[in-house]
Amino acid sequence: MANHKSALKRIRQTEKRTIYNRMFISRARTFVKKARTAISGTDKEAAISATRAAIRDLDKAARRGVIHPNNAARRKSRLQKQLNAMLAK
C-alpha cells in the first residue's frame, strides 16, 4: 500500500480512469461484435451501417487515448476487409 499522499491520490485517479476507459473499450467491442454479426448475415445495408458505427466508435476510443491509434486502425482494417469480402459475394 502506498504511503505518500501523492501516491494515494494517484491510486484514486487510476481507479476512476480505469472505470471510464473500460466503458469505452466494452462499447467498442460491442459495436465490433454487432458489425461482425451483421456482416455474416445477408442484409448489406445493415452490415454497412453497423460497420460505420463500429469504425466511428473505435475512432472515438483512439481519440480519447483509451486504445492505441494503431490498435484502432488494425481493427477497422480487419472489419472493412470482412465487409468488402461480404459485398463482393
PDB file of N, CA and C in Angstrom:
ATOM      1  N   MET A   1       0.846  -1.190   0.000  1.00  0.00           N
ATOM      2  CA  MET A   1       0.000   0.000   0.000  1.00  0.00           C
ATOM      3  C   MET A   1       0.880   1.237   0.000  1.00  0.00           C
ATOM      4  N   ALA A   2       0.427   2.244  -0.696  1.00  0.00           N
ATOM      5  CA  ALA A   2       1.182   3.484  -0.818  1.00  0.00           C
ATOM      6  C   ALA A   2       1.180   4.255   0.502  1.00  0.00           C
ATOM      7  N   ASN A   3       2.259   4.961   0.745  1.00  0.00           N
ATOM      8  CA  ASN A   3       2.403   5.730   1.985  1.00  0.00           C
ATOM      9  C   ASN A   3       2.291   7.230   1.761  1.00  0.00           C
ATOM     10  N   HIS A   4       2.641   7.691   0.591  1.00  0.00           N
ATOM     11  CA  HIS A   4       2.640   9.123   0.330  1.00  0.00           C
ATOM     12  C   HIS A   4       1.268   9.590  -0.127  1.00  0.00           C
ATOM     13  N   LYS A   5       0.998  10.851   0.179  1.00  0.00           N
ATOM     14  CA  LYS A   5      -0.281  11.446  -0.217  1.00  0.00           C
ATOM     15  C   LYS A   5      -0.468  11.423  -1.724  1.00  0.00           C
ATOM     16  N   SER A   6       0.609  11.754  -2.438  1.00  0.00           N
ATOM     17  CA  SER A   6       0.519  11.811  -3.893  1.00  0.00           C
ATOM     18  C   SER A   6       0.279  10.423  -4.486  1.00  0.00           C
ATOM     19  N   ALA A   7       0.879   9.403  -3.880  1.00  0.00           N
ATOM     20  CA  ALA A   7       0.685   8.037  -4.364  1.00  0.00           C
ATOM     21  C   ALA A   7      -0.747   7.575  -4.109  1.00  0.00           C
ATOM     22  N   LEU A   8      -1.303   7.963  -2.977  1.00  0.00           N
ATOM     23  CA  LEU A   8      -2.698   7.613  -2.674  1.00  0.00           C
ATOM     24  C   LEU A   8      -3.641   8.285  -3.665  1.00  0.00           C
ATOM     25  N   LYS A   9      -3.336   9.542  -3.991  1.00  0.00           N
ATOM     26  CA  LYS A   9      -4.160  10.267  -4.960  1.00  0.00           C
ATOM     27  C   LYS A   9      -4.063   9.608  -6.334  1.00  0.00           C
ATOM     28  N   ARG A  10      -2.847   9.180  -6.694  1.00  0.00           N
ATOM     29  CA  ARG A  10      -2.647   8.523  -7.976  1.00  0.00           C
ATOM     30  C   ARG A  10      -3.464   7.231  -8.054  1.00  0.00           C
ATOM     31  N   ILE A  11      -3.549   6.506  -6.966  1.00  0.00           N
ATOM     32  CA  ILE A  11      -4.346   5.266  -6.921  1.00  0.00           C
ATOM     33  C   ILE A  11      -5.816   5.587  -7.165  1.00  0.00           C
ATOM     34  N   ARG A  12      -6.299   6.650  -6.514  1.00  0.00           N
ATOM     35  CA  ARG A  12      -7.698   7.047  -6.708  1.00  0.00           C
ATOM     36  C   ARG A  12      -7.952   7.450  -8.161  1.00  0.00           C
ATOM     37  N   GLN A  13      -7.034   8.220  -8.740  1.00  0.00           N
ATOM     38  CA  GLN A  13      -7.181   8.661 -10.120  1.00  0.00           C
ATOM     39  C   GLN A  13      -7.177   7.472 -11.085  1.00  0.00           C
ATOM     40  N   THR A  14      -6.295   6.529 -10.825  1.00  0.00           N
ATOM     41  CA  THR A  14      -6.191   5.357 -11.684  1.00  0.00           C
ATOM     42  C   THR A  14      -7.475   4.545 -11.662  1.00  0.00           C
ATOM     43  N   GLU A  15      -8.072   4.404 -10.494  1.00  0.00           N
ATOM     44  CA  GLU A  15      -9.333   3.651 -10.391  1.00  0.00           C
ATOM     45  C   GLU A  15     -10.435   4.331 -11.198  1.00  0.00           C
ATOM     46  N   LYS A  16     -10.527   5.660 -11.087  1.00  0.00           N
ATOM     47  CA  LYS A  16     -11.536   6.402 -11.843  1.00  0.00           C
ATOM     48  C   LYS A  16     -11.323   6.247 -13.344  1.00  0.00           C
ATOM     49  N   ARG A  17     -10.074   6.411 -13.770  1.00  0.00           N
ATOM     50  CA  ARG A  17      -9.766   6.324 -15.198  1.00  0.00           C
ATOM     51  C   ARG A  17      -9.993   4.923 -15.742  1.00  0.00           C
ATOM     52  N   THR A  18      -9.695   3.913 -14.931  1.00  0.00           N
ATOM     53  CA  THR A  18      -9.891   2.531 -15.363  1.00  0.00           C
ATOM     54  C   THR A  18     -11.362   2.263 -15.642  1.00  0.00           C
ATOM     55  N   ILE A  19     -12.222   2.735 -14.763  1.00  0.00           N
ATOM     56  CA  ILE A  19     -13.666   2.552 -14.955  1.00  0.00           C
ATOM     57  C   ILE A  19     -14.122   3.287 -16.216  1.00  0.00           C
ATOM     58  N   TYR A  20     -13.654   4.508 -16.390  1.00  0.00           N
ATOM     59  CA  TYR A  20     -14.012   5.328 -17.548  1.00  0.00           C
ATOM     60  C   TYR A  20     -13.532   4.672 -18.841  1.00  0.00           C
ATOM     61  N   ASN A  21     -12.292   4.196 -18.846  1.00  0.00           N
ATOM     62  CA  ASN A  21     -11.720   3.574 -20.040  1.00  0.00           C
ATOM     63  C   ASN A  21     -12.410   2.257 -20.360  1.00  0.00           C
ATOM     64  N   ARG A  22     -12.747   1.487 -19.329  1.00  0.00           N
ATOM     65  CA  ARG A  22     -13.404   0.201 -19.538  1.00  0.00           C
ATOM     66  C   ARG A  22     -14.732   0.390 -20.262  1.00  0.00           C
ATOM     67  N   MET A  23     -15.412   1.499 -19.961  1.00  0.00           N
ATOM     68  CA  MET A  23     -16.684   1.790 -20.613  1.00  0.00           C
ATOM     69  C   MET A  23     -16.487   1.933 -22.128  1.00  0.00           C
ATOM     70  N   PHE A  24     -15.452   2.676 -22.547  1.00  0.00           N
ATOM     71  CA  PHE A  24     -15.208   2.883 -23.964  1.00  0.00           C
ATOM     72  C   PHE A  24     -14.725   1.609 -24.653  1.00  0.00           C
ATOM     73  N   ILE A  25     -13.916   0.820 -23.953  1.00  0.00           N
ATOM     74  CA  ILE A  25     -13.409  -0.419 -24.537  1.00  0.00           C
ATOM     75  C   ILE A  25     -14.549  -1.398 -24.770  1.00  0.00           C
ATOM     76  N   SER A  26     -15.407  -1.574 -23.770  1.00  0.00           N
ATOM     77  CA  SER A  26     -16.506  -2.534 -23.915  1.00  0.00           C
ATOM     78  C   SER A  26     -17.508  -2.049 -24.952  1.00  0.00           C
ATOM     79  N   ARG A  27     -17.699  -0.752 -25.029  1.00  0.00           N
ATOM     80  CA  ARG A  27     -18.604  -0.187 -26.019  1.00  0.00           C
ATOM     81  C   ARG A  27     -18.084  -0.444 -27.430  1.00  0.00           C
ATOM     82  N   ALA A  28     -16.788  -0.255 -27.632  1.00  0.00           N
ATOM     83  CA  ALA A  28     -16.184  -0.500 -28.948  1.00  0.00           C
ATOM     84  C   ALA A  28     -16.282  -1.978 -29.301  1.00  0.00           C
ATOM     85  N   ARG A  29     -16.034  -2.846 -28.335  1.00  0.00           N
ATOM     86  CA  ARG A  29     -16.133  -4.287 -28.584  1.00  0.00           C
ATOM     87  C   ARG A  29     -17.551  -4.670 -28.984  1.00  0.00           C
ATOM     88  N   THR A  30     -18.526  -4.074 -28.318  1.00  0.00           N
ATOM     89  CA  THR A  30     -19.924  -4.374 -28.627  1.00  0.00           C
ATOM     90  C   THR A  30     -20.260  -3.961 -30.051  1.00  0.00           C
ATOM     91  N   PHE A  31     -19.828  -2.771 -30.451  1.00  0.00           N
ATOM     92  CA  PHE A  31     -20.098  -2.299 -31.806  1.00  0.00           C
ATOM     93  C   PHE A  31     -19.429  -3.201 -32.843  1.00  0.00           C
ATOM     94  N   VAL A  32     -18.197  -3.625 -32.560  1.00  0.00           N
ATOM     95  CA  VAL A  32     -17.479  -4.504 -33.490  1.00  0.00           C
ATOM     96  C   VAL A  32     -18.191  -5.849 -33.592  1.00  0.00           C
ATOM     97  N   LYS A  33     -18.646  -6.356 -32.472  1.00  0.00           N
ATOM     98  CA  LYS A  33     -19.359  -7.630 -32.470  1.00  0.00           C
ATOM     99  C   LYS A  33     -20.656  -7.535 -33.276  1.00  0.00           C
ATOM    100  N   LYS A  34     -21.387  -6.424 -33.095  1.00  0.00           N
ATOM    101  CA  LYS A  34     -22.617  -6.223 -33.862  1.00  0.00           C
ATOM    102  C   LYS A  34     -22.326  -6.126 -35.349  1.00  0.00           C
ATOM    103  N   ALA A  35     -21.230  -5.464 -35.702  1.00  0.00           N
ATOM    104  CA  ALA A  35     -20.854  -5.335 -37.110  1.00  0.00           C
ATOM    105  C   ALA A  35     -20.506  -6.695 -37.700  1.00  0.00           C
ATOM    106  N   ARG A  36     -19.788  -7.514 -36.947  1.00  0.00           N
ATOM    107  CA  ARG A  36     -19.418  -8.841 -37.451  1.00  0.00           C
ATOM    108  C   ARG A  36     -20.642  -9.721 -37.661  1.00  0.00           C
ATOM    109  N   THR A  37     -21.605  -9.645 -36.745  1.00  0.00           N
ATOM    110  CA  THR A  37     -22.821 -10.443 -36.927  1.00  0.00           C
ATOM    111  C   THR A  37     -23.626  -9.931 -38.122  1.00  0.00           C
ATOM    112  N   ALA A  38     -23.627  -8.616 -38.318  1.00  0.00           N
ATOM    113  CA  ALA A  38     -24.331  -8.049 -39.471  1.00  0.00           C
ATOM    114  C   ALA A  38     -23.643  -8.455 -40.774  1.00  0.00           C
ATOM    115  N   ILE A  39     -22.323  -8.521 -40.758  1.00  0.00           N
ATOM    116  CA  ILE A  39     -21.570  -8.917 -41.952  1.00  0.00           C
ATOM    117  C   ILE A  39     -21.831 -10.386 -42.280  1.00  0.00           C
ATOM    118  N   SER A  40     -21.962 -11.203 -41.255  1.00  0.00           N
ATOM    119  CA  SER A  40     -22.223 -12.621 -41.502  1.00  0.00           C
ATOM    120  C   SER A  40     -23.651 -12.869 -41.980  1.00  0.00           C
ATOM    121  N   GLY A  41     -24.520 -11.890 -41.833  1.00  0.00           N
ATOM    122  CA  GLY A  41     -25.898 -12.001 -42.306  1.00  0.00           C
ATOM    123  C   GLY A  41     -25.996 -11.722 -43.792  1.00  0.00           C
ATOM    124  N   THR A  42     -27.220 -11.455 -44.240  1.00  0.00           N
ATOM    125  CA  THR A  42     -27.441 -11.240 -45.672  1.00  0.00           C
ATOM    126  C   THR A  42     -27.754  -9.786 -46.029  1.00  0.00           C
ATOM    127  N   ASP A  43     -28.164  -8.994 -45.059  1.00  0.00           N
ATOM    128  CA  ASP A  43     -28.564  -7.610 -45.315  1.00  0.00           C
ATOM    129  C   ASP A  43     -27.327  -6.720 -45.461  1.00  0.00           C
ATOM    130  N   LYS A  44     -27.116  -6.220 -46.684  1.00  0.00           N
ATOM    131  CA  LYS A  44     -25.918  -5.423 -46.955  1.00  0.00           C
ATOM    132  C   LYS A  44     -25.977  -4.053 -46.298  1.00  0.00           C
ATOM    133  N   GLU A  45     -27.150  -3.435 -46.327  1.00  0.00           N
ATOM    134  CA  GLU A  45     -27.298  -2.096 -45.747  1.00  0.00           C
ATOM    135  C   GLU A  45     -27.051  -2.118 -44.240  1.00  0.00           C
ATOM    136  N   ALA A  46     -27.565  -3.151 -43.575  1.00  0.00           N
ATOM    137  CA  ALA A  46     -27.359  -3.280 -42.124  1.00  0.00           C
ATOM    138  C   ALA A  46     -25.880  -3.492 -41.818  1.00  0.00           C
ATOM    139  N   ALA A  47     -25.198  -4.272 -42.645  1.00  0.00           N
ATOM    140  CA  ALA A  47     -23.776  -4.534 -42.440  1.00  0.00           C
ATOM    141  C   ALA A  47     -22.963  -3.255 -42.616  1.00  0.00           C
ATOM    142  N   ILE A  48     -23.311  -2.474 -43.616  1.00  0.00           N
ATOM    143  CA  ILE A  48     -22.580  -1.221 -43.864  1.00  0.00           C
ATOM    144  C   ILE A  48     -22.783  -0.245 -42.719  1.00  0.00           C
ATOM    145  N   SER A  49     -24.029  -0.083 -42.269  1.00  0.00           N
ATOM    146  CA  SER A  49     -24.287   0.875 -41.185  1.00  0.00           C
ATOM    147  C   SER A  49     -23.667   0.408 -39.873  1.00  0.00           C
ATOM    148  N   ALA A  50     -23.685  -0.904 -39.615  1.00  0.00           N
ATOM    149  CA  ALA A  50     -23.075  -1.422 -38.383  1.00  0.00           C
ATOM    150  C   ALA A  50     -21.564  -1.245 -38.416  1.00  0.00           C
ATOM    151  N   THR A  51     -20.971  -1.432 -39.581  1.00  0.00           N
ATOM    152  CA  THR A  51     -19.523  -1.255 -39.713  1.00  0.00           C
ATOM    153  C   THR A  51     -19.140   0.212 -39.526  1.00  0.00           C
ATOM    154  N   ARG A  52     -19.947   1.107 -40.083  1.00  0.00           N
ATOM    155  CA  ARG A  52     -19.675   2.543 -39.901  1.00  0.00           C
ATOM    156  C   ARG A  52     -19.746   2.935 -38.435  1.00  0.00           C
ATOM    157  N   ALA A  53     -20.738   2.405 -37.738  1.00  0.00           N
ATOM    158  CA  ALA A  53     -20.877   2.713 -36.308  1.00  0.00           C
ATOM    159  C   ALA A  53     -19.694   2.179 -35.526  1.00  0.00           C
ATOM    160  N   ALA A  54     -19.231   0.984 -35.864  1.00  0.00           N
ATOM    161  CA  ALA A  54     -18.087   0.398 -35.166  1.00  0.00           C
ATOM    162  C   ALA A  54     -16.823   1.211 -35.425  1.00  0.00           C
ATOM    163  N   ILE A  55     -16.636   1.637 -36.663  1.00  0.00           N
ATOM    164  CA  ILE A  55     -15.454   2.435 -37.004  1.00  0.00           C
ATOM    165  C   ILE A  55     -15.486   3.773 -36.286  1.00  0.00           C
ATOM    166  N   ARG A  56     -16.667   4.378 -36.221  1.00  0.00           N
ATOM    167  CA  ARG A  56     -16.810   5.653 -35.517  1.00  0.00           C
ATOM    168  C   ARG A  56     -16.456   5.495 -34.037  1.00  0.00           C
ATOM    169  N   ASP A  57     -16.916   4.402 -33.441  1.00  0.00           N
ATOM    170  CA  ASP A  57     -16.665   4.189 -32.020  1.00  0.00           C
ATOM    171  C   ASP A  57     -15.194   3.858 -31.758  1.00  0.00           C
ATOM    172  N   LEU A  58     -14.565   3.104 -32.647  1.00  0.00           N
ATOM    173  CA  LEU A  58     -13.137   2.813 -32.488  1.00  0.00           C
ATOM    174  C   LEU A  58     -12.318   4.098 -32.609  1.00  0.00           C
ATOM    175  N   ASP A  59     -12.706   4.970 -33.530  1.00  0.00           N
ATOM    176  CA  ASP A  59     -12.018   6.256 -33.664  1.00  0.00           C
ATOM    177  C   ASP A  59     -12.161   7.095 -32.400  1.00  0.00           C
ATOM    178  N   LYS A  60     -13.348   7.061 -31.829  1.00  0.00           N
ATOM    179  CA  LYS A  60     -13.595   7.824 -30.611  1.00  0.00           C
ATOM    180  C   LYS A  60     -12.730   7.305 -29.457  1.00  0.00           C
ATOM    181  N   ALA A  61     -12.629   5.986 -29.336  1.00  0.00           N
ATOM    182  CA  ALA A  61     -11.806   5.399 -28.275  1.00  0.00           C
ATOM    183  C   ALA A  61     -10.333   5.741 -28.481  1.00  0.00           C
ATOM    184  N   ALA A  62      -9.885   5.717 -29.725  1.00  0.00           N
ATOM    185  CA  ALA A  62      -8.487   6.054 -30.013  1.00  0.00           C
ATOM    186  C   ALA A  62      -8.216   7.529 -29.758  1.00  0.00           C
ATOM    187  N   ARG A  63      -9.175   8.380 -30.113  1.00  0.00           N
ATOM    188  CA  ARG A  63      -9.007   9.821 -29.913  1.00  0.00           C
ATOM    189  C   ARG A  63      -8.910  10.161 -28.432  1.00  0.00           C
ATOM    190  N   ARG A  64      -9.632   9.440 -27.601  1.00  0.00           N
ATOM    191  CA  ARG A  64      -9.597   9.695 -26.165  1.00  0.00           C
ATOM    192  C   ARG A  64      -8.398   9.034 -25.478  1.00  0.00           C
ATOM    193  N   GLY A  65      -7.647   8.243 -26.216  1.00  0.00           N
ATOM    194  CA  GLY A  65      -6.461   7.606 -25.646  1.00  0.00           C
ATOM    195  C   GLY A  65      -6.771   6.327 -24.898  1.00  0.00           C
ATOM    196  N   VAL A  66      -7.967   5.793 -25.080  1.00  0.00           N
ATOM    197  CA  VAL A  66      -8.347   4.567 -24.389  1.00  0.00           C
ATOM    198  C   VAL A  66      -7.660   3.372 -25.041  1.00  0.00           C
ATOM    199  N   ILE A  67      -7.620   3.342 -26.369  1.00  0.00           N
ATOM    200  CA  ILE A  67      -6.851   2.336 -27.086  1.00  0.00           C
ATOM    201  C   ILE A  67      -5.845   3.044 -27.978  1.00  0.00           C
ATOM    202  N   HIS A  68      -4.796   2.341 -28.341  1.00  0.00           N
ATOM    203  CA  HIS A  68      -3.752   2.918 -29.185  1.00  0.00           C
ATOM    204  C   HIS A  68      -4.307   3.150 -30.592  1.00  0.00           C
ATOM    205  N   PRO A  69      -3.907   4.239 -31.225  1.00  0.00           N
ATOM    206  CA  PRO A  69      -4.411   4.513 -32.584  1.00  0.00           C
ATOM    207  C   PRO A  69      -4.129   3.386 -33.575  1.00  0.00           C
ATOM    208  N   ASN A  70      -2.973   2.733 -33.442  1.00  0.00           N
ATOM    209  CA  ASN A  70      -2.670   1.611 -34.337  1.00  0.00           C
ATOM    210  C   ASN A  70      -3.596   0.431 -34.076  1.00  0.00           C
ATOM    211  N   ASN A  71      -3.971   0.238 -32.827  1.00  0.00           N
ATOM    212  CA  ASN A  71      -4.917  -0.824 -32.474  1.00  0.00           C
ATOM    213  C   ASN A  71      -6.259  -0.556 -33.141  1.00  0.00           C
ATOM    214  N   ALA A  72      -6.714   0.673 -33.080  1.00  0.00           N
ATOM    215  CA  ALA A  72      -7.975   1.048 -33.722  1.00  0.00           C
ATOM    216  C   ALA A  72      -7.875   0.878 -35.233  1.00  0.00           C
ATOM    217  N   ALA A  73      -6.756   1.270 -35.807  1.00  0.00           N
ATOM    218  CA  ALA A  73      -6.574   1.153 -37.250  1.00  0.00           C
ATOM    219  C   ALA A  73      -6.587  -0.308 -37.677  1.00  0.00           C
ATOM    220  N   ARG A  74      -5.953  -1.158 -36.903  1.00  0.00           N
ATOM    221  CA  ARG A  74      -5.921  -2.590 -37.222  1.00  0.00           C
ATOM    222  C   ARG A  74      -7.320  -3.190 -37.180  1.00  0.00           C
ATOM    223  N   ARG A  75      -8.069  -2.863 -36.140  1.00  0.00           N
ATOM    224  CA  ARG A  75      -9.433  -3.389 -36.010  1.00  0.00           C
ATOM    225  C   ARG A  75     -10.332  -2.884 -37.130  1.00  0.00           C
ATOM    226  N   LYS A  76     -10.196  -1.607 -37.468  1.00  0.00           N
ATOM    227  CA  LYS A  76     -11.007  -1.030 -38.542  1.00  0.00           C
ATOM    228  C   LYS A  76     -10.662  -1.694 -39.876  1.00  0.00           C
ATOM    229  N   SER A  77      -9.385  -1.927 -40.102  1.00  0.00           N
ATOM    230  CA  SER A  77      -8.938  -2.542 -41.345  1.00  0.00           C
ATOM    231  C   SER A  77      -9.504  -3.948 -41.489  1.00  0.00           C
ATOM    232  N   ARG A  78      -9.445  -4.733 -40.425  1.00  0.00           N
ATOM    233  CA  ARG A  78      -9.960  -6.100 -40.466  1.00  0.00           C
ATOM    234  C   ARG A  78     -11.472  -6.105 -40.687  1.00  0.00           C
ATOM    235  N   LEU A  79     -12.147  -5.188 -40.039  1.00  0.00           N
ATOM    236  CA  LEU A  79     -13.597  -5.097 -40.180  1.00  0.00           C
ATOM    237  C   LEU A  79     -13.978  -4.708 -41.606  1.00  0.00           C
ATOM    238  N   GLN A  80     -13.266  -3.738 -42.157  1.00  0.00           N
ATOM    239  CA  GLN A  80     -13.549  -3.285 -43.518  1.00  0.00           C
ATOM    240  C   GLN A  80     -13.248  -4.390 -44.519  1.00  0.00           C
ATOM    241  N   LYS A  81     -12.206  -5.154 -44.260  1.00  0.00           N
ATOM    242  CA  LYS A  81     -11.829  -6.263 -45.138  1.00  0.00           C
ATOM    243  C   LYS A  81     -12.959  -7.304 -45.165  1.00  0.00           C
ATOM    244  N   GLN A  82     -13.512  -7.609 -43.995  1.00  0.00           N
ATOM    245  CA  GLN A  82     -14.625  -8.564 -43.920  1.00  0.00           C
ATOM    246  C   GLN A  82     -15.839  -8.032 -44.656  1.00  0.00           C
ATOM    247  N   LEU A  83     -16.116  -6.748 -44.480  1.00  0.00           N
ATOM    248  CA  LEU A  83     -17.258  -6.132 -45.156  1.00  0.00           C
ATOM    249  C   LEU A  83     -17.084  -6.184 -46.674  1.00  0.00           C
ATOM    250  N   ASN A  84     -15.900  -5.853 -47.158  1.00  0.00           N
ATOM    251  CA  ASN A  84     -15.638  -5.878 -48.593  1.00  0.00           C
ATOM    252  C   ASN A  84     -15.791  -7.285 -49.166  1.00  0.00           C
ATOM    253  N   ALA A  85     -15.352  -8.287 -48.401  1.00  0.00           N
ATOM    254  CA  ALA A  85     -15.497  -9.673 -48.856  1.00  0.00           C
ATOM    255  C   ALA A  85     -16.976 -10.047 -48.928  1.00  0.00           C
ATOM    256  N   MET A  86     -17.761  -9.566 -47.965  1.00  0.00           N
ATOM    257  CA  MET A  86     -19.202  -9.855 -47.948  1.00  0.00           C
ATOM    258  C   MET A  86     -19.903  -9.159 -49.119  1.00  0.00           C
ATOM    259  N   LEU A  87     -19.521  -7.940 -49.411  1.00  0.00           N
ATOM    260  CA  LEU A  87     -20.138  -7.194 -50.502  1.00  0.00           C
ATOM    261  C   LEU A  87     -19.741  -7.748 -51.870  1.00  0.00           C
ATOM    262  N   ALA A  88     -18.553  -8.365 -51.953  1.00  0.00           N
ATOM    263  CA  ALA A  88     -18.088  -8.910 -53.220  1.00  0.00           C
ATOM    264  C   ALA A  88     -18.853 -10.171 -53.618  1.00  0.00           C
ATOM    265  N   LYS A  89     -19.428 -10.839 -52.634  1.00  0.00           N
ATOM    266  CA  LYS A  89     -20.157 -12.088 -52.928  1.00  0.00           C
ATOM    267  C   LYS A  89     -21.453 -11.825 -53.654  1.00  0.00           C
TER     268      LYS A  89
END
